[in-house]
Amino acid sequence: KTQLLTDIYHPLKAHSASLTDLTIFEGLDHQN
């Protein structure tokens, strides 16, 4: 939570992005 990912997120944001804060893994096993 304390990490700043601007150097990662900004280059990829140019390709459009949506953010979701998932603090638990519920539902992740059904995503690819």
PDB file of all heavy atoms in Angstrom:
ATOM      1  N   LYS A   1       0.813  -1.218   0.000  1.00  0.00           N
ATOM      2  CA  LYS A   1       0.000   0.000   0.000  1.00  0.00           C
ATOM      3  C   LYS A   1       0.842   1.261   0.000  1.00  0.00           C
ATOM      4  O   LYS A   1       0.406   2.311  -0.457  1.00  0.00           O
ATOM      5  CB  LYS A   1      -0.920  -0.003   1.225  1.00  0.00           C
ATOM      6  CG  LYS A   1      -2.011  -1.077   1.171  1.00  0.00           C
ATOM      7  CD  LYS A   1      -2.940  -0.974   2.362  1.00  0.00           C
ATOM      8  CE  LYS A   1      -4.043  -2.018   2.284  1.00  0.00           C
ATOM      9  NZ  LYS A   1      -4.975  -1.931   3.435  1.00  0.00           N
ATOM     10  N   THR A   2       2.058   1.178   0.512  1.00  0.00           N
ATOM     11  CA  THR A   2       2.899   2.372   0.618  1.00  0.00           C
ATOM     12  C   THR A   2       3.724   2.620  -0.640  1.00  0.00           C
ATOM     13  O   THR A   2       4.409   3.629  -0.738  1.00  0.00           O
ATOM     14  CB  THR A   2       3.854   2.243   1.809  1.00  0.00           C
ATOM     15  OG1 THR A   2       4.695   1.088   1.630  1.00  0.00           O
ATOM     16  CG2 THR A   2       3.069   2.088   3.107  1.00  0.00           C
ATOM     17  N   GLN A   3       3.658   1.689  -1.592  1.00  0.00           N
ATOM     18  CA  GLN A   3       4.514   1.824  -2.756  1.00  0.00           C
ATOM     19  C   GLN A   3       3.904   2.767  -3.808  1.00  0.00           C
ATOM     20  O   GLN A   3       2.705   2.738  -4.062  1.00  0.00           O
ATOM     21  CB  GLN A   3       4.753   0.445  -3.395  1.00  0.00           C
ATOM     22  CG  GLN A   3       5.400  -0.556  -2.461  1.00  0.00           C
ATOM     23  CD  GLN A   3       6.709  -0.058  -1.906  1.00  0.00           C
ATOM     24  OE1 GLN A   3       7.546   0.456  -2.641  1.00  0.00           O
ATOM     25  NE2 GLN A   3       6.895  -0.178  -0.608  1.00  0.00           N
ATOM     26  N   LEU A   4       4.756   3.588  -4.381  1.00  0.00           N
ATOM     27  CA  LEU A   4       4.343   4.483  -5.462  1.00  0.00           C
ATOM     28  C   LEU A   4       4.737   3.842  -6.787  1.00  0.00           C
ATOM     29  O   LEU A   4       5.908   3.585  -7.024  1.00  0.00           O
ATOM     30  CB  LEU A   4       5.021   5.853  -5.310  1.00  0.00           C
ATOM     31  CG  LEU A   4       4.662   6.630  -4.035  1.00  0.00           C
ATOM     32  CD1 LEU A   4       5.470   7.929  -3.971  1.00  0.00           C
ATOM     33  CD2 LEU A   4       3.173   6.936  -3.985  1.00  0.00           C
ATOM     34  N   LEU A   5       3.756   3.593  -7.628  1.00  0.00           N
ATOM     35  CA  LEU A   5       4.015   2.887  -8.870  1.00  0.00           C
ATOM     36  C   LEU A   5       3.860   3.793 -10.090  1.00  0.00           C
ATOM     37  O   LEU A   5       3.459   3.343 -11.149  1.00  0.00           O
ATOM     38  CB  LEU A   5       3.073   1.690  -8.995  1.00  0.00           C
ATOM     39  CG  LEU A   5       3.224   0.594  -7.935  1.00  0.00           C
ATOM     40  CD1 LEU A   5       2.261  -0.543  -8.209  1.00  0.00           C
ATOM     41  CD2 LEU A   5       4.638   0.072  -7.907  1.00  0.00           C
ATOM     42  N   THR A   6       4.159   5.058  -9.929  1.00  0.00           N
ATOM     43  CA  THR A   6       3.992   5.977 -11.053  1.00  0.00           C
ATOM     44  C   THR A   6       4.874   5.592 -12.237  1.00  0.00           C
ATOM     45  O   THR A   6       4.467   5.746 -13.394  1.00  0.00           O
ATOM     46  CB  THR A   6       4.327   7.417 -10.618  1.00  0.00           C
ATOM     47  OG1 THR A   6       5.645   7.445 -10.037  1.00  0.00           O
ATOM     48  CG2 THR A   6       3.324   7.912  -9.595  1.00  0.00           C
ATOM     49  N   ASP A   7       6.086   5.103 -11.966  1.00  0.00           N
ATOM     50  CA  ASP A   7       6.984   4.733 -13.058  1.00  0.00           C
ATOM     51  C   ASP A   7       6.495   3.489 -13.793  1.00  0.00           C
ATOM     52  O   ASP A   7       6.862   3.265 -14.949  1.00  0.00           O
ATOM     53  CB  ASP A   7       8.410   4.516 -12.547  1.00  0.00           C
ATOM     54  CG  ASP A   7       8.490   3.461 -11.445  1.00  0.00           C
ATOM     55  OD1 ASP A   7       7.441   3.134 -10.863  1.00  0.00           O
ATOM     56  OD2 ASP A   7       9.605   2.983 -11.165  1.00  0.00           O
ATOM     57  N   ILE A   8       5.646   2.684 -13.137  1.00  0.00           N
ATOM     58  CA  ILE A   8       5.083   1.497 -13.778  1.00  0.00           C
ATOM     59  C   ILE A   8       3.732   1.826 -14.391  1.00  0.00           C
ATOM     60  O   ILE A   8       3.453   1.480 -15.547  1.00  0.00           O
ATOM     61  CB  ILE A   8       4.914   0.351 -12.760  1.00  0.00           C
ATOM     62  CG1 ILE A   8       6.253   0.003 -12.112  1.00  0.00           C
ATOM     63  CG2 ILE A   8       4.323  -0.882 -13.445  1.00  0.00           C
ATOM     64  CD1 ILE A   8       6.122  -1.009 -10.992  1.00  0.00           C
ATOM     65  N   TYR A   9       2.899   2.492 -13.620  1.00  0.00           N
ATOM     66  CA  TYR A   9       1.519   2.725 -14.037  1.00  0.00           C
ATOM     67  C   TYR A   9       1.410   3.710 -15.195  1.00  0.00           C
ATOM     68  O   TYR A   9       0.654   3.488 -16.140  1.00  0.00           O
ATOM     69  CB  TYR A   9       0.705   3.206 -12.840  1.00  0.00           C
ATOM     70  CG  TYR A   9      -0.720   3.577 -13.195  1.00  0.00           C
ATOM     71  CD1 TYR A   9      -1.606   2.624 -13.679  1.00  0.00           C
ATOM     72  CD2 TYR A   9      -1.178   4.894 -13.066  1.00  0.00           C
ATOM     73  CE1 TYR A   9      -2.900   2.954 -14.006  1.00  0.00           C
ATOM     74  CE2 TYR A   9      -2.466   5.224 -13.397  1.00  0.00           C
ATOM     75  CZ  TYR A   9      -3.326   4.255 -13.867  1.00  0.00           C
ATOM     76  OH  TYR A   9      -4.609   4.584 -14.196  1.00  0.00           O
ATOM     77  N   HIS A  10       2.176   4.790 -15.149  1.00  0.00           N
ATOM     78  CA  HIS A  10       2.049   5.820 -16.182  1.00  0.00           C
ATOM     79  C   HIS A  10       2.381   5.326 -17.592  1.00  0.00           C
ATOM     80  O   HIS A  10       1.663   5.651 -18.545  1.00  0.00           O
ATOM     81  CB  HIS A  10       2.902   7.032 -15.825  1.00  0.00           C
ATOM     82  CG  HIS A  10       2.296   7.859 -14.729  1.00  0.00           C
ATOM     83  ND1 HIS A  10       2.950   8.914 -14.129  1.00  0.00           N
ATOM     84  CD2 HIS A  10       1.093   7.781 -14.122  1.00  0.00           C
ATOM     85  CE1 HIS A  10       2.172   9.444 -13.200  1.00  0.00           C
ATOM     86  NE2 HIS A  10       1.045   8.766 -13.175  1.00  0.00           N
ATOM     87  N   PRO A  11       3.448   4.540 -17.790  1.00  0.00           N
ATOM     88  CA  PRO A  11       3.712   4.046 -19.151  1.00  0.00           C
ATOM     89  C   PRO A  11       2.584   3.168 -19.681  1.00  0.00           C
ATOM     90  O   PRO A  11       2.282   3.184 -20.871  1.00  0.00           O
ATOM     91  CB  PRO A  11       4.999   3.238 -18.984  1.00  0.00           C
ATOM     92  CG  PRO A  11       5.642   3.777 -17.769  1.00  0.00           C
ATOM     93  CD  PRO A  11       4.515   4.153 -16.859  1.00  0.00           C
ATOM     94  N   LEU A  12       1.953   2.400 -18.778  1.00  0.00           N
ATOM     95  CA  LEU A  12       0.893   1.495 -19.205  1.00  0.00           C
ATOM     96  C   LEU A  12      -0.465   2.182 -19.231  1.00  0.00           C
ATOM     97  O   LEU A  12      -1.383   1.713 -19.891  1.00  0.00           O
ATOM     98  CB  LEU A  12       0.857   0.268 -18.290  1.00  0.00           C
ATOM     99  CG  LEU A  12       2.146  -0.560 -18.281  1.00  0.00           C
ATOM    100  CD1 LEU A  12       2.035  -1.712 -17.284  1.00  0.00           C
ATOM    101  CD2 LEU A  12       2.465  -1.107 -19.661  1.00  0.00           C
ATOM    102  N   LYS A  13      -0.595   3.301 -18.494  1.00  0.00           N
ATOM    103  CA  LYS A  13      -1.848   4.048 -18.487  1.00  0.00           C
ATOM    104  C   LYS A  13      -2.151   4.590 -19.874  1.00  0.00           C
ATOM    105  O   LYS A  13      -3.306   4.803 -20.241  1.00  0.00           O
ATOM    106  CB  LYS A  13      -1.774   5.197 -17.476  1.00  0.00           C
ATOM    107  CG  LYS A  13      -3.093   5.924 -17.282  1.00  0.00           C
ATOM    108  CD  LYS A  13      -2.959   7.028 -16.233  1.00  0.00           C
ATOM    109  CE  LYS A  13      -4.290   7.759 -16.047  1.00  0.00           C
ATOM    110  NZ  LYS A  13      -4.184   8.849 -15.041  1.00  0.00           N
ATOM    111  N   ALA A  14      -1.108   4.812 -20.658  1.00  0.00           N
ATOM    112  CA  ALA A  14      -1.301   5.288 -22.020  1.00  0.00           C
ATOM    113  C   ALA A  14      -2.100   4.290 -22.841  1.00  0.00           C
ATOM    114  O   ALA A  14      -2.683   4.634 -23.863  1.00  0.00           O
ATOM    115  CB  ALA A  14       0.055   5.542 -22.683  1.00  0.00           C
ATOM    116  N   HIS A  15      -2.132   3.041 -22.374  1.00  0.00           N
ATOM    117  CA  HIS A  15      -2.897   2.004 -23.054  1.00  0.00           C
ATOM    118  C   HIS A  15      -4.268   1.833 -22.413  1.00  0.00           C
ATOM    119  O   HIS A  15      -4.945   0.840 -22.661  1.00  0.00           O
ATOM    120  CB  HIS A  15      -2.133   0.684 -23.006  1.00  0.00           C
ATOM    121  CG  HIS A  15      -0.765   0.769 -23.602  1.00  0.00           C
ATOM    122  ND1 HIS A  15      -0.533   0.800 -24.947  1.00  0.00           N
ATOM    123  CD2 HIS A  15       0.450   0.847 -23.020  1.00  0.00           C
ATOM    124  CE1 HIS A  15       0.754   0.881 -25.176  1.00  0.00           C
ATOM    125  NE2 HIS A  15       1.377   0.908 -24.021  1.00  0.00           N
ATOM    126  N   SER A  16      -4.650   2.756 -21.540  1.00  0.00           N
ATOM    127  CA  SER A  16      -5.899   2.797 -20.779  1.00  0.00           C
ATOM    128  C   SER A  16      -5.867   1.795 -19.636  1.00  0.00           C
ATOM    129  O   SER A  16      -5.340   0.696 -19.770  1.00  0.00           O
ATOM    130  CB  SER A  16      -7.132   2.539 -21.652  1.00  0.00           C
ATOM    131  OG  SER A  16      -7.328   1.184 -21.893  1.00  0.00           O
ATOM    132  N   ALA A  17      -6.401   2.164 -18.495  1.00  0.00           N
ATOM    133  CA  ALA A  17      -6.361   1.285 -17.329  1.00  0.00           C
ATOM    134  C   ALA A  17      -7.515   1.575 -16.396  1.00  0.00           C
ATOM    135  O   ALA A  17      -7.979   2.705 -16.289  1.00  0.00           O
ATOM    136  CB  ALA A  17      -5.044   1.467 -16.588  1.00  0.00           C
ATOM    137  N   SER A  18      -7.992   0.554 -15.698  1.00  0.00           N
ATOM    138  CA  SER A  18      -8.973   0.726 -14.639  1.00  0.00           C
ATOM    139  C   SER A  18      -8.393   0.098 -13.387  1.00  0.00           C
ATOM    140  O   SER A  18      -7.742  -0.945 -13.452  1.00  0.00           O
ATOM    141  CB  SER A  18     -10.299   0.040 -15.004  1.00  0.00           C
ATOM    142  OG  SER A  18     -10.105  -1.338 -15.205  1.00  0.00           O
ATOM    143  N   LEU A  19      -8.593   0.716 -12.235  1.00  0.00           N
ATOM    144  CA  LEU A  19      -7.978   0.266 -11.003  1.00  0.00           C
ATOM    145  C   LEU A  19      -9.011  -0.335 -10.062  1.00  0.00           C
ATOM    146  O   LEU A  19     -10.120   0.172  -9.947  1.00  0.00           O
ATOM    147  CB  LEU A  19      -7.280   1.435 -10.298  1.00  0.00           C
ATOM    148  CG  LEU A  19      -6.272   2.223 -11.128  1.00  0.00           C
ATOM    149  CD1 LEU A  19      -5.659   3.320 -10.279  1.00  0.00           C
ATOM    150  CD2 LEU A  19      -5.196   1.313 -11.670  1.00  0.00           C
ATOM    151  N   THR A  20      -8.636  -1.402  -9.395  1.00  0.00           N
ATOM    152  CA  THR A  20      -9.486  -2.031  -8.396  1.00  0.00           C
ATOM    153  C   THR A  20      -8.632  -2.409  -7.202  1.00  0.00           C
ATOM    154  O   THR A  20      -7.626  -3.102  -7.362  1.00  0.00           O
ATOM    155  CB  THR A  20     -10.165  -3.301  -8.950  1.00  0.00           C
ATOM    156  OG1 THR A  20     -10.891  -2.959 -10.116  1.00  0.00           O
ATOM    157  CG2 THR A  20     -11.118  -3.894  -7.923  1.00  0.00           C
ATOM    158  N   ASP A  21      -9.022  -1.956  -6.024  1.00  0.00           N
ATOM    159  CA  ASP A  21      -8.292  -2.291  -4.805  1.00  0.00           C
ATOM    160  C   ASP A  21      -8.831  -3.611  -4.274  1.00  0.00           C
ATOM    161  O   ASP A  21      -9.925  -3.662  -3.730  1.00  0.00           O
ATOM    162  CB  ASP A  21      -8.469  -1.179  -3.760  1.00  0.00           C
ATOM    163  CG  ASP A  21      -7.656  -1.473  -2.503  1.00  0.00           C
ATOM    164  OD1 ASP A  21      -7.024  -2.530  -2.447  1.00  0.00           O
ATOM    165  OD2 ASP A  21      -7.658  -0.642  -1.596  1.00  0.00           O
ATOM    166  N   LEU A  22      -8.086  -4.684  -4.470  1.00  0.00           N
ATOM    167  CA  LEU A  22      -8.499  -6.001  -4.045  1.00  0.00           C
ATOM    168  C   LEU A  22      -7.598  -6.457  -2.896  1.00  0.00           C
ATOM    169  O   LEU A  22      -6.505  -6.965  -3.121  1.00  0.00           O
ATOM    170  CB  LEU A  22      -8.424  -6.997  -5.205  1.00  0.00           C
ATOM    171  CG  LEU A  22      -9.290  -6.659  -6.423  1.00  0.00           C
ATOM    172  CD1 LEU A  22      -9.023  -7.644  -7.542  1.00  0.00           C
ATOM    173  CD2 LEU A  22     -10.757  -6.691  -6.053  1.00  0.00           C
ATOM    174  N   THR A  23      -8.035  -6.247  -1.673  1.00  0.00           N
ATOM    175  CA  THR A  23      -7.212  -6.609  -0.524  1.00  0.00           C
ATOM    176  C   THR A  23      -7.379  -8.077  -0.144  1.00  0.00           C
ATOM    177  O   THR A  23      -6.639  -8.590   0.679  1.00  0.00           O
ATOM    178  CB  THR A  23      -7.586  -5.748   0.695  1.00  0.00           C
ATOM    179  OG1 THR A  23      -8.988  -5.893   0.945  1.00  0.00           O
ATOM    180  CG2 THR A  23      -7.277  -4.290   0.426  1.00  0.00           C
ATOM    181  N   ILE A  24      -8.369  -8.756  -0.759  1.00  0.00           N
ATOM    182  CA  ILE A  24      -8.521 -10.194  -0.562  1.00  0.00           C
ATOM    183  C   ILE A  24      -8.575 -10.838  -1.938  1.00  0.00           C
ATOM    184  O   ILE A  24      -8.757 -10.162  -2.949  1.00  0.00           O
ATOM    185  CB  ILE A  24      -9.798 -10.533   0.232  1.00  0.00           C
ATOM    186  CG1 ILE A  24     -11.042  -9.977  -0.478  1.00  0.00           C
ATOM    187  CG2 ILE A  24      -9.726  -9.986   1.646  1.00  0.00           C
ATOM    188  CD1 ILE A  24     -12.335 -10.356   0.209  1.00  0.00           C
ATOM    189  N   PHE A  25      -8.413 -12.153  -1.977  1.00  0.00           N
ATOM    190  CA  PHE A  25      -8.314 -12.838  -3.255  1.00  0.00           C
ATOM    191  C   PHE A  25      -9.649 -13.384  -3.748  1.00  0.00           C
ATOM    192  O   PHE A  25      -9.682 -14.155  -4.695  1.00  0.00           O
ATOM    193  CB  PHE A  25      -7.315 -13.990  -3.147  1.00  0.00           C
ATOM    194  CG  PHE A  25      -5.888 -13.530  -3.123  1.00  0.00           C
ATOM    195  CD1 PHE A  25      -4.889 -14.390  -2.719  1.00  0.00           C
ATOM    196  CD2 PHE A  25      -5.549 -12.237  -3.497  1.00  0.00           C
ATOM    197  CE1 PHE A  25      -3.572 -13.972  -2.699  1.00  0.00           C
ATOM    198  CE2 PHE A  25      -4.247 -11.820  -3.471  1.00  0.00           C
ATOM    199  CZ  PHE A  25      -3.246 -12.688  -3.065  1.00  0.00           C
ATOM    200  N   GLU A  26     -10.733 -12.991  -3.109  1.00  0.00           N
ATOM    201  CA  GLU A  26     -12.037 -13.503  -3.508  1.00  0.00           C
ATOM    202  C   GLU A  26     -12.340 -13.137  -4.962  1.00  0.00           C
ATOM    203  O   GLU A  26     -12.291 -11.973  -5.346  1.00  0.00           O
ATOM    204  CB  GLU A  26     -13.128 -12.934  -2.604  1.00  0.00           C
ATOM    205  CG  GLU A  26     -14.512 -13.470  -2.914  1.00  0.00           C
ATOM    206  CD  GLU A  26     -15.570 -12.906  -1.972  1.00  0.00           C
ATOM    207  OE1 GLU A  26     -15.197 -12.176  -1.028  1.00  0.00           O
ATOM    208  OE2 GLU A  26     -16.747 -13.195  -2.191  1.00  0.00           O
ATOM    209  N   GLY A  27     -12.617 -14.150  -5.743  1.00  0.00           N
ATOM    210  CA  GLY A  27     -12.952 -13.921  -7.144  1.00  0.00           C
ATOM    211  C   GLY A  27     -11.774 -13.978  -8.089  1.00  0.00           C
ATOM    212  O   GLY A  27     -11.951 -14.121  -9.295  1.00  0.00           O
ATOM    213  N   LEU A  28     -10.549 -13.862  -7.578  1.00  0.00           N
ATOM    214  CA  LEU A  28      -9.385 -13.854  -8.461  1.00  0.00           C
ATOM    215  C   LEU A  28      -9.184 -15.193  -9.157  1.00  0.00           C
ATOM    216  O   LEU A  28      -8.667 -15.248 -10.269  1.00  0.00           O
ATOM    217  CB  LEU A  28      -8.119 -13.499  -7.675  1.00  0.00           C
ATOM    218  CG  LEU A  28      -7.892 -12.018  -7.386  1.00  0.00           C
ATOM    219  CD1 LEU A  28      -6.584 -11.823  -6.651  1.00  0.00           C
ATOM    220  CD2 LEU A  28      -7.903 -11.198  -8.668  1.00  0.00           C
ATOM    221  N   ASP A  29      -9.587 -16.294  -8.495  1.00  0.00           N
ATOM    222  CA  ASP A  29      -9.382 -17.601  -9.099  1.00  0.00           C
ATOM    223  C   ASP A  29     -10.313 -17.846 -10.285  1.00  0.00           C
ATOM    224  O   ASP A  29     -10.160 -18.825 -11.005  1.00  0.00           O
ATOM    225  CB  ASP A  29      -9.551 -18.718  -8.053  1.00  0.00           C
ATOM    226  CG  ASP A  29     -10.883 -18.631  -7.316  1.00  0.00           C
ATOM    227  OD1 ASP A  29     -11.523 -17.574  -7.407  1.00  0.00           O
ATOM    228  OD2 ASP A  29     -11.266 -19.620  -6.662  1.00  0.00           O
ATOM    229  N   HIS A  30     -11.263 -16.932 -10.496  1.00  0.00           N
ATOM    230  CA  HIS A  30     -12.165 -17.059 -11.639  1.00  0.00           C
ATOM    231  C   HIS A  30     -11.802 -16.076 -12.754  1.00  0.00           C
ATOM    232  O   HIS A  30     -12.522 -15.978 -13.742  1.00  0.00           O
ATOM    233  CB  HIS A  30     -13.620 -16.827 -11.206  1.00  0.00           C
ATOM    234  CG  HIS A  30     -14.095 -17.794 -10.168  1.00  0.00           C
ATOM    235  ND1 HIS A  30     -14.147 -19.151 -10.392  1.00  0.00           N
ATOM    236  CD2 HIS A  30     -14.521 -17.608  -8.891  1.00  0.00           C
ATOM    237  CE1 HIS A  30     -14.606 -19.761  -9.311  1.00  0.00           C
ATOM    238  NE2 HIS A  30     -14.832 -18.853  -8.390  1.00  0.00           N
ATOM    239  N   GLN A  31     -10.707 -15.366 -12.574  1.00  0.00           N
ATOM    240  CA  GLN A  31     -10.272 -14.410 -13.590  1.00  0.00           C
ATOM    241  C   GLN A  31      -9.013 -14.920 -14.272  1.00  0.00           C
ATOM    242  O   GLN A  31      -8.233 -15.667 -13.685  1.00  0.00           O
ATOM    243  CB  GLN A  31     -10.006 -13.044 -12.958  1.00  0.00           C
ATOM    244  CG  GLN A  31     -11.228 -12.427 -12.305  1.00  0.00           C
ATOM    245  CD  GLN A  31     -10.961 -11.026 -11.817  1.00  0.00           C
ATOM    246  OE1 GLN A  31     -10.376 -10.209 -12.520  1.00  0.00           O
ATOM    247  NE2 GLN A  31     -11.380 -10.731 -10.600  1.00  0.00           N
ATOM    248  N   ASN A  32      -8.837 -14.508 -15.505  1.00  0.00           N
ATOM    249  CA  ASN A  32      -7.669 -14.932 -16.273  1.00  0.00           C
ATOM    250  C   ASN A  32      -6.803 -13.734 -16.623  1.00  0.00           C
ATOM    251  O   ASN A  32      -7.240 -12.828 -17.338  1.00  0.00           O
ATOM    252  CB  ASN A  32      -8.113 -15.645 -17.558  1.00  0.00           C
ATOM    253  CG  ASN A  32      -8.812 -16.954 -17.283  1.00  0.00           C
ATOM    254  OD1 ASN A  32      -8.313 -17.772 -16.518  1.00  0.00           O
ATOM    255  ND2 ASN A  32      -9.970 -17.156 -17.898  1.00  0.00           N
TER     256      ASN A  32
END
